[in-house]
Amino acid sequence: MEEAGSFVCHKGKGCQTCNNTGYKGRVALYEVMFVDEDVKELILEGASAADIKKKAVVNGMKTLRMSGLTKLREGVTTIEEILRTTFG
């Protein structure tokens, strides 16, 4: 999260078309976990979801929040929307 200070956050002005949000349409935030051998082994061992996620991130998975931060850098969404949708 150190990179958060290195980019500009955008906030749309809004209009009637976008219902005063500043954004029109929808953009998905998503995370995709590939089940590689490390993750497969953890699943077979009955590891916790948190441990499986940690290993997947170490192996290159982008979390939902990481996906949101990418969209924030691109000016596609706001920090408020990222926090609202990825809280927890």
Protein backbone atom coordinates (compact mmCIF):
# COMPACT_ATOMS: atom_id res chain seq x y z
CA MET A 1 0.00 0.00 0.00
CA GLU A 2 3.03 2.31 0.07
CA GLU A 3 2.31 3.09 -3.56
CA ALA A 4 -0.98 4.76 -2.61
CA GLY A 5 0.75 8.12 -2.22
CA SER A 6 2.33 7.89 -5.66
CA PHE A 7 -0.75 8.36 -7.82
CA VAL A 8 -3.62 10.78 -8.17
CA CYS A 9 -7.12 9.70 -7.18
CA HIS A 10 -9.91 10.82 -9.50
CA LYS A 11 -13.44 11.84 -8.65
CA GLY A 12 -15.95 12.48 -11.41
CA LYS A 13 -18.10 15.62 -11.34
CA GLY A 14 -21.27 13.85 -12.35
CA CYS A 15 -24.19 14.65 -14.59
CA GLN A 16 -27.76 13.57 -15.22
CA THR A 17 -26.66 10.69 -17.47
CA CYS A 18 -24.47 9.12 -14.78
CA ASN A 19 -26.84 9.91 -11.90
CA ASN A 20 -24.26 12.38 -10.54
CA THR A 21 -21.69 9.66 -9.83
CA GLY A 22 -19.11 10.82 -12.35
CA TYR A 23 -18.99 7.36 -13.89
CA LYS A 24 -21.16 5.75 -16.53
CA GLY A 25 -21.67 2.01 -16.80
CA ARG A 26 -20.21 -0.72 -14.68
CA VAL A 27 -16.69 -2.01 -14.30
CA ALA A 28 -15.96 -5.33 -12.63
CA LEU A 29 -13.48 -5.90 -9.85
CA TYR A 30 -12.38 -9.50 -9.83
CA GLU A 31 -9.84 -11.90 -8.48
CA VAL A 32 -8.92 -15.16 -10.14
CA MET A 33 -7.02 -17.83 -8.26
CA PHE A 34 -5.18 -20.37 -10.33
CA VAL A 35 -4.88 -23.68 -8.55
CA ASP A 36 -1.19 -24.48 -8.98
CA GLU A 37 0.60 -27.32 -7.19
CA ASP A 38 1.24 -25.23 -4.05
CA VAL A 39 -2.40 -24.22 -3.72
CA LYS A 40 -3.59 -27.73 -4.59
CA GLU A 41 -1.44 -29.16 -1.80
CA LEU A 42 -2.86 -26.70 0.73
CA ILE A 43 -6.41 -27.58 -0.31
CA LEU A 44 -5.71 -31.31 0.05
CA GLU A 45 -4.20 -30.70 3.50
CA GLY A 46 -7.35 -28.87 4.59
CA ALA A 47 -5.63 -25.52 5.03
CA SER A 48 -7.67 -22.46 5.96
CA ALA A 49 -9.02 -20.15 3.27
CA ALA A 50 -6.70 -17.42 4.59
CA ASP A 51 -3.63 -19.63 4.20
CA ILE A 52 -4.67 -20.66 0.69
CA LYS A 53 -5.20 -17.02 -0.27
CA LYS A 54 -1.79 -16.01 1.15
CA LYS A 55 -0.06 -18.68 -0.92
CA ALA A 56 -2.01 -17.71 -4.04
CA VAL A 57 -0.98 -14.05 -3.59
CA VAL A 58 2.66 -15.05 -3.11
CA ASN A 59 2.34 -17.02 -6.34
CA GLY A 60 0.98 -13.99 -8.24
CA MET A 61 -2.77 -13.74 -7.64
CA LYS A 62 -4.22 -10.22 -7.58
CA THR A 63 -6.79 -9.77 -4.82
CA LEU A 64 -10.08 -7.96 -5.28
CA ARG A 65 -8.62 -4.87 -3.59
CA MET A 66 -5.50 -5.01 -5.82
CA SER A 67 -7.83 -5.10 -8.83
CA GLY A 68 -9.63 -2.05 -7.46
CA LEU A 69 -6.38 -0.14 -6.96
CA THR A 70 -5.43 -0.84 -10.57
CA LYS A 71 -8.78 0.63 -11.67
CA LEU A 72 -8.20 3.60 -9.35
CA ARG A 73 -4.85 4.33 -11.01
CA GLU A 74 -6.58 4.17 -14.41
CA GLY A 75 -9.17 6.73 -13.26
CA VAL A 76 -12.00 4.23 -13.70
CA THR A 77 -13.24 4.19 -10.09
CA THR A 78 -12.88 5.96 -6.75
CA ILE A 79 -11.27 4.96 -3.48
CA GLU A 80 -14.70 5.12 -1.85
CA GLU A 81 -16.04 2.51 -4.26
CA ILE A 82 -13.05 0.24 -3.71
CA LEU A 83 -13.47 0.41 0.05
CA ARG A 84 -17.21 -0.14 -0.21
CA THR A 85 -16.87 -3.24 -2.36
CA THR A 86 -13.79 -4.80 -0.75
CA PHE A 87 -14.43 -4.07 2.92
CA GLY A 88 -13.25 -6.91 5.12
